N, C-alpha and C. Protein backbone atom coordinates (compact mmCIF):
# COMPACT_ATOMS: atom_id res chain seq x y z
N UNK A 1 -3.08 -9.26 -3.69
CA UNK A 1 -1.98 -9.81 -2.91
C UNK A 1 -2.54 -10.38 -1.61
N UNK A 2 -1.95 -11.44 -1.15
CA UNK A 2 -2.43 -12.02 0.11
C UNK A 2 -2.02 -11.15 1.29
N UNK A 3 -2.71 -11.33 2.38
CA UNK A 3 -2.38 -10.60 3.60
C UNK A 3 -1.30 -11.33 4.40
N UNK A 4 -1.05 -12.57 4.06
CA UNK A 4 -0.05 -13.38 4.75
C UNK A 4 1.30 -13.26 4.05
N UNK A 5 2.38 -13.56 4.76
CA UNK A 5 3.68 -13.57 4.09
C UNK A 5 3.74 -14.71 3.07
N UNK A 6 4.37 -14.44 1.96
CA UNK A 6 4.54 -15.48 0.94
C UNK A 6 5.93 -16.10 1.11
N UNK A 7 6.02 -17.37 0.73
CA UNK A 7 7.29 -18.10 0.83
C UNK A 7 7.70 -18.60 -0.55
N UNK A 8 8.97 -18.39 -0.86
CA UNK A 8 9.49 -18.78 -2.16
C UNK A 8 10.80 -19.54 -2.02
N UNK A 9 11.08 -20.36 -3.00
CA UNK A 9 12.32 -21.11 -3.04
C UNK A 9 13.51 -20.20 -3.32
N UNK A 10 13.28 -19.11 -4.06
CA UNK A 10 14.34 -18.19 -4.44
C UNK A 10 14.01 -16.80 -3.93
N UNK A 11 15.06 -16.04 -3.62
CA UNK A 11 14.90 -14.66 -3.21
C UNK A 11 14.25 -13.87 -4.36
N UNK A 12 13.41 -12.92 -4.03
CA UNK A 12 12.69 -12.15 -5.04
C UNK A 12 13.55 -10.98 -5.52
N UNK A 13 14.56 -11.33 -6.32
CA UNK A 13 15.46 -10.35 -6.92
C UNK A 13 15.52 -10.62 -8.42
N UNK A 14 15.93 -9.60 -9.17
CA UNK A 14 15.90 -9.71 -10.63
C UNK A 14 16.69 -10.90 -11.16
N UNK A 15 17.79 -11.22 -10.51
CA UNK A 15 18.61 -12.34 -10.96
C UNK A 15 17.87 -13.68 -10.88
N UNK A 16 16.78 -13.72 -10.12
CA UNK A 16 16.03 -14.97 -9.96
C UNK A 16 14.72 -15.00 -10.74
N UNK A 17 14.44 -13.99 -11.54
CA UNK A 17 13.21 -13.97 -12.33
C UNK A 17 13.06 -15.21 -13.20
N UNK A 18 14.13 -15.59 -13.88
CA UNK A 18 14.08 -16.77 -14.74
C UNK A 18 13.90 -18.04 -13.92
N UNK A 19 14.56 -18.14 -12.78
CA UNK A 19 14.42 -19.33 -11.93
C UNK A 19 12.98 -19.48 -11.43
N UNK A 20 12.36 -18.37 -11.07
CA UNK A 20 10.96 -18.42 -10.61
C UNK A 20 10.04 -18.83 -11.75
N UNK A 21 10.32 -18.33 -12.95
CA UNK A 21 9.53 -18.72 -14.13
C UNK A 21 9.71 -20.21 -14.41
N UNK A 22 10.94 -20.68 -14.31
CA UNK A 22 11.22 -22.10 -14.53
C UNK A 22 10.51 -22.96 -13.48
N UNK A 23 10.37 -22.44 -12.28
CA UNK A 23 9.67 -23.17 -11.23
C UNK A 23 8.20 -23.38 -11.63
N UNK A 24 7.57 -22.34 -12.17
CA UNK A 24 6.19 -22.48 -12.66
C UNK A 24 6.14 -23.49 -13.80
N UNK A 25 7.06 -23.36 -14.75
CA UNK A 25 7.10 -24.28 -15.89
C UNK A 25 7.22 -25.73 -15.41
N UNK A 26 8.09 -25.97 -14.45
CA UNK A 26 8.28 -27.31 -13.93
C UNK A 26 7.06 -27.84 -13.20
N UNK A 27 6.40 -26.99 -12.43
CA UNK A 27 5.20 -27.41 -11.71
C UNK A 27 4.07 -27.75 -12.68
N UNK A 28 3.94 -26.97 -13.73
CA UNK A 28 2.90 -27.24 -14.73
C UNK A 28 3.18 -28.56 -15.43
N UNK A 29 4.43 -28.81 -15.75
CA UNK A 29 4.77 -30.07 -16.40
C UNK A 29 4.48 -31.25 -15.46
N UNK A 30 4.85 -31.10 -14.21
CA UNK A 30 4.67 -32.19 -13.24
C UNK A 30 3.20 -32.47 -12.93
N UNK A 31 2.43 -31.42 -12.68
CA UNK A 31 1.07 -31.60 -12.20
C UNK A 31 0.00 -31.54 -13.29
N UNK A 32 0.30 -30.87 -14.41
CA UNK A 32 -0.67 -30.73 -15.48
C UNK A 32 -0.30 -31.54 -16.72
N UNK A 33 0.94 -32.00 -16.78
CA UNK A 33 1.39 -32.75 -17.94
C UNK A 33 1.57 -31.91 -19.18
N UNK A 34 1.77 -30.60 -19.00
CA UNK A 34 1.93 -29.68 -20.12
C UNK A 34 3.35 -29.14 -20.11
N UNK A 35 4.01 -29.21 -21.25
CA UNK A 35 5.37 -28.71 -21.37
C UNK A 35 5.32 -27.32 -21.98
N UNK A 36 5.44 -26.31 -21.15
CA UNK A 36 5.44 -24.92 -21.63
C UNK A 36 6.78 -24.60 -22.28
N UNK A 37 6.75 -23.72 -23.28
CA UNK A 37 7.96 -23.45 -24.06
C UNK A 37 8.33 -21.97 -24.14
N UNK A 38 7.74 -21.14 -23.31
CA UNK A 38 8.01 -19.70 -23.28
C UNK A 38 7.61 -18.99 -24.57
N UNK A 39 6.74 -19.60 -25.33
CA UNK A 39 6.23 -18.94 -26.53
C UNK A 39 5.12 -17.96 -26.14
N UNK A 40 4.87 -17.02 -27.01
CA UNK A 40 3.78 -16.08 -26.80
C UNK A 40 2.45 -16.84 -26.72
N UNK A 41 2.31 -17.86 -27.53
CA UNK A 41 1.08 -18.67 -27.55
C UNK A 41 0.86 -19.40 -26.22
N UNK A 42 1.93 -19.69 -25.50
CA UNK A 42 1.78 -20.41 -24.22
C UNK A 42 1.12 -19.56 -23.14
N UNK A 43 1.01 -18.26 -23.37
CA UNK A 43 0.34 -17.40 -22.40
C UNK A 43 -1.14 -17.76 -22.28
N UNK A 44 -1.71 -18.30 -23.35
CA UNK A 44 -3.11 -18.74 -23.26
C UNK A 44 -3.27 -19.86 -22.25
N UNK A 45 -2.28 -20.74 -22.16
CA UNK A 45 -2.35 -21.78 -21.14
C UNK A 45 -2.36 -21.16 -19.74
N UNK A 46 -1.54 -20.14 -19.52
CA UNK A 46 -1.49 -19.50 -18.20
C UNK A 46 -2.86 -18.91 -17.87
N UNK A 47 -3.52 -18.28 -18.86
CA UNK A 47 -4.88 -17.78 -18.66
C UNK A 47 -5.81 -18.91 -18.21
N UNK A 48 -5.78 -20.01 -18.93
CA UNK A 48 -6.66 -21.15 -18.62
C UNK A 48 -6.33 -21.73 -17.26
N UNK A 49 -5.05 -21.86 -16.96
CA UNK A 49 -4.59 -22.40 -15.68
C UNK A 49 -5.12 -21.57 -14.51
N UNK A 50 -4.91 -20.26 -14.58
CA UNK A 50 -5.38 -19.39 -13.49
C UNK A 50 -6.90 -19.41 -13.38
N UNK A 51 -7.58 -19.42 -14.52
CA UNK A 51 -9.04 -19.44 -14.51
C UNK A 51 -9.57 -20.72 -13.88
N UNK A 52 -8.93 -21.84 -14.16
CA UNK A 52 -9.36 -23.13 -13.61
C UNK A 52 -9.38 -23.08 -12.08
N UNK A 53 -8.33 -22.57 -11.49
CA UNK A 53 -8.26 -22.52 -10.03
C UNK A 53 -9.16 -21.44 -9.45
N UNK A 54 -9.35 -20.37 -10.20
CA UNK A 54 -10.30 -19.33 -9.78
C UNK A 54 -11.71 -19.92 -9.76
N UNK A 55 -12.06 -20.67 -10.80
CA UNK A 55 -13.38 -21.29 -10.90
C UNK A 55 -13.60 -22.33 -9.80
N UNK A 56 -12.53 -22.92 -9.30
CA UNK A 56 -12.63 -23.89 -8.22
C UNK A 56 -12.81 -23.21 -6.86
N UNK A 57 -12.77 -21.89 -6.84
CA UNK A 57 -13.02 -21.15 -5.60
C UNK A 57 -11.78 -20.82 -4.79
N UNK A 58 -10.59 -21.08 -5.32
CA UNK A 58 -9.40 -20.69 -4.60
C UNK A 58 -9.31 -19.17 -4.53
N UNK A 59 -8.62 -18.68 -3.53
CA UNK A 59 -8.42 -17.25 -3.37
C UNK A 59 -6.94 -16.93 -3.50
N UNK A 60 -6.62 -15.67 -3.55
CA UNK A 60 -5.21 -15.29 -3.60
C UNK A 60 -4.50 -15.74 -2.32
N UNK A 61 -5.21 -15.82 -1.22
CA UNK A 61 -4.62 -16.33 0.03
C UNK A 61 -4.19 -17.78 -0.15
N UNK A 62 -4.97 -18.56 -0.86
CA UNK A 62 -4.69 -19.98 -1.07
C UNK A 62 -3.58 -20.22 -2.09
N UNK A 63 -3.45 -19.34 -3.04
CA UNK A 63 -2.76 -19.64 -4.30
C UNK A 63 -1.69 -18.60 -4.65
N UNK A 64 -1.30 -17.75 -3.70
CA UNK A 64 -0.47 -16.58 -4.00
C UNK A 64 0.87 -16.92 -4.63
N UNK A 65 1.59 -17.88 -4.07
CA UNK A 65 2.91 -18.20 -4.60
C UNK A 65 2.82 -18.71 -6.04
N UNK A 66 1.80 -19.50 -6.32
CA UNK A 66 1.63 -20.02 -7.68
C UNK A 66 1.28 -18.89 -8.65
N UNK A 67 0.43 -17.98 -8.24
CA UNK A 67 0.10 -16.84 -9.09
C UNK A 67 1.36 -16.02 -9.35
N UNK A 68 2.15 -15.81 -8.31
CA UNK A 68 3.38 -15.03 -8.44
C UNK A 68 4.32 -15.65 -9.47
N UNK A 69 4.57 -16.96 -9.35
CA UNK A 69 5.51 -17.58 -10.30
C UNK A 69 4.90 -17.70 -11.69
N UNK A 70 3.57 -17.77 -11.78
CA UNK A 70 2.92 -17.71 -13.10
C UNK A 70 3.21 -16.35 -13.74
N UNK A 71 3.16 -15.29 -12.94
CA UNK A 71 3.51 -13.95 -13.43
C UNK A 71 4.96 -13.87 -13.87
N UNK A 72 5.84 -14.59 -13.16
CA UNK A 72 7.24 -14.65 -13.57
C UNK A 72 7.37 -15.35 -14.92
N UNK A 73 6.55 -16.37 -15.14
CA UNK A 73 6.56 -17.04 -16.45
C UNK A 73 6.18 -16.04 -17.54
N UNK A 74 5.14 -15.25 -17.30
CA UNK A 74 4.72 -14.23 -18.27
C UNK A 74 5.87 -13.26 -18.53
N UNK A 75 6.53 -12.84 -17.46
CA UNK A 75 7.67 -11.94 -17.62
C UNK A 75 8.80 -12.57 -18.43
N UNK A 76 9.06 -13.85 -18.19
CA UNK A 76 10.13 -14.51 -18.92
C UNK A 76 9.78 -14.66 -20.40
N UNK A 77 8.50 -14.79 -20.70
CA UNK A 77 8.08 -14.78 -22.11
C UNK A 77 8.45 -13.44 -22.73
N UNK A 78 8.29 -12.35 -21.98
CA UNK A 78 8.68 -11.02 -22.48
C UNK A 78 10.19 -10.91 -22.64
N UNK A 79 10.93 -11.51 -21.73
CA UNK A 79 12.39 -11.49 -21.82
C UNK A 79 12.85 -12.24 -23.07
N UNK A 80 12.32 -13.42 -23.28
CA UNK A 80 12.78 -14.28 -24.38
C UNK A 80 12.30 -13.78 -25.74
N UNK A 81 11.05 -13.37 -25.82
CA UNK A 81 10.46 -13.03 -27.12
C UNK A 81 10.53 -11.55 -27.49
N UNK A 82 10.82 -10.69 -26.50
CA UNK A 82 10.83 -9.26 -26.81
C UNK A 82 12.04 -8.55 -26.18
N UNK A 83 13.02 -9.32 -25.77
CA UNK A 83 14.28 -8.77 -25.25
C UNK A 83 14.08 -7.90 -24.01
N UNK A 84 13.06 -8.26 -23.21
CA UNK A 84 12.88 -7.58 -21.94
C UNK A 84 13.99 -7.99 -20.98
N UNK A 85 13.99 -7.32 -19.83
CA UNK A 85 15.02 -7.58 -18.83
C UNK A 85 14.38 -7.51 -17.44
N UNK A 86 14.69 -8.49 -16.59
CA UNK A 86 14.23 -8.43 -15.20
C UNK A 86 15.03 -7.34 -14.48
N UNK A 87 14.33 -6.49 -13.74
CA UNK A 87 15.00 -5.52 -12.87
C UNK A 87 14.29 -5.54 -11.52
N UNK A 88 14.99 -5.05 -10.52
CA UNK A 88 14.37 -4.90 -9.20
C UNK A 88 13.50 -3.65 -9.21
N UNK A 89 12.44 -3.68 -8.44
CA UNK A 89 11.50 -2.55 -8.43
C UNK A 89 12.21 -1.23 -8.17
N UNK A 90 13.17 -1.22 -7.25
CA UNK A 90 13.85 0.05 -6.92
C UNK A 90 14.62 0.62 -8.11
N UNK A 91 15.00 -0.23 -9.06
CA UNK A 91 15.70 0.23 -10.26
C UNK A 91 14.73 0.86 -11.27
N UNK A 92 13.43 0.68 -11.05
CA UNK A 92 12.43 1.21 -11.98
C UNK A 92 12.25 2.72 -11.84
N UNK A 93 12.75 3.29 -10.74
CA UNK A 93 12.66 4.73 -10.49
C UNK A 93 11.22 5.23 -10.63
N UNK A 94 10.33 4.57 -9.92
CA UNK A 94 8.91 4.91 -9.97
C UNK A 94 8.63 6.21 -9.23
N UNK A 95 7.61 6.95 -9.65
CA UNK A 95 7.22 8.16 -8.92
C UNK A 95 6.83 7.80 -7.48
N UNK A 96 7.01 8.73 -6.59
CA UNK A 96 6.67 8.50 -5.19
C UNK A 96 5.19 8.10 -5.06
N UNK A 97 4.94 7.11 -4.24
CA UNK A 97 3.58 6.63 -4.03
C UNK A 97 3.18 5.50 -4.96
N UNK A 98 3.99 5.21 -5.96
CA UNK A 98 3.71 4.12 -6.90
C UNK A 98 4.60 2.94 -6.51
N UNK A 99 3.99 1.77 -6.44
CA UNK A 99 4.80 0.59 -6.14
C UNK A 99 4.42 -0.53 -7.09
N UNK A 100 5.34 -1.45 -7.24
CA UNK A 100 5.15 -2.62 -8.09
C UNK A 100 5.64 -3.83 -7.30
N UNK A 101 5.61 -4.98 -7.93
CA UNK A 101 6.14 -6.18 -7.32
C UNK A 101 7.65 -6.01 -7.15
N UNK A 102 8.29 -6.86 -6.35
CA UNK A 102 9.73 -6.70 -6.11
C UNK A 102 10.59 -6.80 -7.36
N UNK A 103 10.13 -7.58 -8.35
CA UNK A 103 10.84 -7.66 -9.63
C UNK A 103 9.85 -7.37 -10.75
N UNK A 104 10.32 -6.65 -11.75
CA UNK A 104 9.48 -6.23 -12.86
C UNK A 104 10.28 -6.37 -14.16
N UNK A 105 9.63 -6.11 -15.26
CA UNK A 105 10.28 -6.20 -16.57
C UNK A 105 10.50 -4.81 -17.14
N UNK A 106 11.71 -4.60 -17.65
CA UNK A 106 12.03 -3.39 -18.41
C UNK A 106 12.15 -3.80 -19.87
N UNK A 107 11.36 -3.19 -20.71
CA UNK A 107 11.35 -3.50 -22.14
C UNK A 107 12.41 -2.66 -22.86
N UNK A 108 12.80 -3.06 -24.06
CA UNK A 108 13.86 -2.34 -24.79
C UNK A 108 13.57 -0.84 -24.98
N UNK A 109 12.29 -0.47 -25.06
CA UNK A 109 11.95 0.95 -25.24
C UNK A 109 11.95 1.73 -23.93
N UNK A 110 12.32 1.07 -22.81
CA UNK A 110 12.37 1.72 -21.52
C UNK A 110 11.11 1.56 -20.68
N UNK A 111 10.06 1.04 -21.26
CA UNK A 111 8.81 0.83 -20.53
C UNK A 111 9.02 -0.20 -19.42
N UNK A 112 8.49 0.10 -18.26
CA UNK A 112 8.51 -0.82 -17.13
C UNK A 112 7.12 -1.43 -17.02
N UNK A 113 7.05 -2.73 -16.89
CA UNK A 113 5.76 -3.40 -16.75
C UNK A 113 5.86 -4.48 -15.68
N UNK A 114 4.72 -4.81 -15.10
CA UNK A 114 4.67 -5.69 -13.94
C UNK A 114 3.82 -6.94 -14.24
N UNK A 115 4.42 -7.94 -14.89
CA UNK A 115 3.64 -9.13 -15.25
C UNK A 115 3.16 -9.93 -14.03
N UNK A 116 3.84 -9.81 -12.91
CA UNK A 116 3.41 -10.53 -11.71
C UNK A 116 2.10 -9.92 -11.20
N UNK A 117 2.05 -8.59 -11.12
CA UNK A 117 0.80 -7.94 -10.70
C UNK A 117 -0.32 -8.25 -11.69
N UNK A 118 0.03 -8.33 -12.98
CA UNK A 118 -0.98 -8.66 -13.99
C UNK A 118 -1.52 -10.07 -13.78
N UNK A 119 -0.66 -11.01 -13.40
CA UNK A 119 -1.14 -12.37 -13.12
C UNK A 119 -2.11 -12.36 -11.93
N UNK A 120 -1.82 -11.57 -10.91
CA UNK A 120 -2.75 -11.45 -9.78
C UNK A 120 -4.07 -10.84 -10.25
N UNK A 121 -4.00 -9.83 -11.10
CA UNK A 121 -5.23 -9.23 -11.64
C UNK A 121 -6.01 -10.26 -12.46
N UNK A 122 -5.29 -11.04 -13.26
CA UNK A 122 -5.95 -12.07 -14.09
C UNK A 122 -6.68 -13.06 -13.20
N UNK A 123 -6.04 -13.48 -12.13
CA UNK A 123 -6.67 -14.43 -11.21
C UNK A 123 -7.88 -13.79 -10.53
N UNK A 124 -7.73 -12.58 -10.08
CA UNK A 124 -8.78 -11.91 -9.32
C UNK A 124 -9.95 -11.47 -10.21
N UNK A 125 -9.66 -10.89 -11.36
CA UNK A 125 -10.70 -10.31 -12.21
C UNK A 125 -11.22 -11.26 -13.28
N UNK A 126 -10.50 -12.33 -13.57
CA UNK A 126 -10.95 -13.26 -14.60
C UNK A 126 -10.52 -12.84 -15.99
N UNK A 127 -11.31 -13.23 -16.97
CA UNK A 127 -10.93 -13.13 -18.38
C UNK A 127 -10.69 -11.71 -18.87
N UNK A 128 -11.22 -10.72 -18.19
CA UNK A 128 -11.03 -9.33 -18.62
C UNK A 128 -9.55 -8.95 -18.62
N UNK A 129 -8.76 -9.60 -17.78
CA UNK A 129 -7.33 -9.32 -17.69
C UNK A 129 -6.51 -10.41 -18.37
N UNK A 130 -6.69 -10.55 -19.67
CA UNK A 130 -6.06 -11.59 -20.47
C UNK A 130 -4.55 -11.35 -20.57
N UNK A 131 -3.77 -12.38 -20.28
CA UNK A 131 -2.32 -12.25 -20.27
C UNK A 131 -1.71 -12.16 -21.66
N UNK A 132 -2.26 -12.85 -22.63
CA UNK A 132 -1.75 -12.75 -24.00
C UNK A 132 -1.99 -11.34 -24.54
N UNK A 133 -3.16 -10.79 -24.27
CA UNK A 133 -3.46 -9.41 -24.70
C UNK A 133 -2.49 -8.43 -24.04
N UNK A 134 -2.25 -8.62 -22.74
CA UNK A 134 -1.29 -7.80 -22.00
C UNK A 134 0.08 -7.82 -22.69
N UNK A 135 0.55 -9.01 -23.03
CA UNK A 135 1.83 -9.13 -23.73
C UNK A 135 1.82 -8.30 -25.02
N UNK A 136 0.78 -8.48 -25.81
CA UNK A 136 0.71 -7.79 -27.10
C UNK A 136 0.64 -6.27 -26.94
N UNK A 137 -0.07 -5.80 -25.94
CA UNK A 137 -0.16 -4.35 -25.70
C UNK A 137 1.22 -3.78 -25.34
N UNK A 138 1.91 -4.45 -24.41
CA UNK A 138 3.17 -3.90 -23.94
C UNK A 138 4.31 -4.09 -24.92
N UNK A 139 4.22 -5.03 -25.79
CA UNK A 139 5.31 -5.24 -26.76
C UNK A 139 4.95 -4.69 -28.15
N UNK A 140 3.77 -4.12 -28.27
CA UNK A 140 3.28 -3.64 -29.57
C UNK A 140 3.38 -4.72 -30.62
N UNK A 141 3.13 -5.94 -30.20
CA UNK A 141 3.19 -7.10 -31.06
C UNK A 141 1.79 -7.37 -31.58
N UNK A 142 1.62 -7.40 -32.85
CA UNK A 142 0.29 -7.65 -33.43
C UNK A 142 -0.08 -9.10 -33.25
N UNK A 143 -1.37 -9.34 -32.96
CA UNK A 143 -1.87 -10.72 -32.81
C UNK A 143 -1.93 -11.39 -34.15
């Protein structure tokens, strides 16, 4: 996470998870010429996208808002393809001392997962934190 305040077009609440994901989708279409479709397969593009900017030497300080909305796209893929639901972090009832991003995904089995934090990990750590693999692990979806 960056040390500076981040700025977003939408408030970081569960009701805006889809809007934030759509913002990433729109930016990718405008600047990359790629029309994302919220498919599980489209997560590979997000991996490549984040890696490209990582390889160019950008840091989370430079790219935080984009990484955040890329994570929202990953979360929306979980919502659409696995019936996940955006919830606010406080609704996750996390143990004391544990924190997540302001909005997270609750899966049908009750599992809470943080695709936004995973996008930051993917950007920071590189290919070891593959987003498609993350999706498959949390949804028990076979590749």
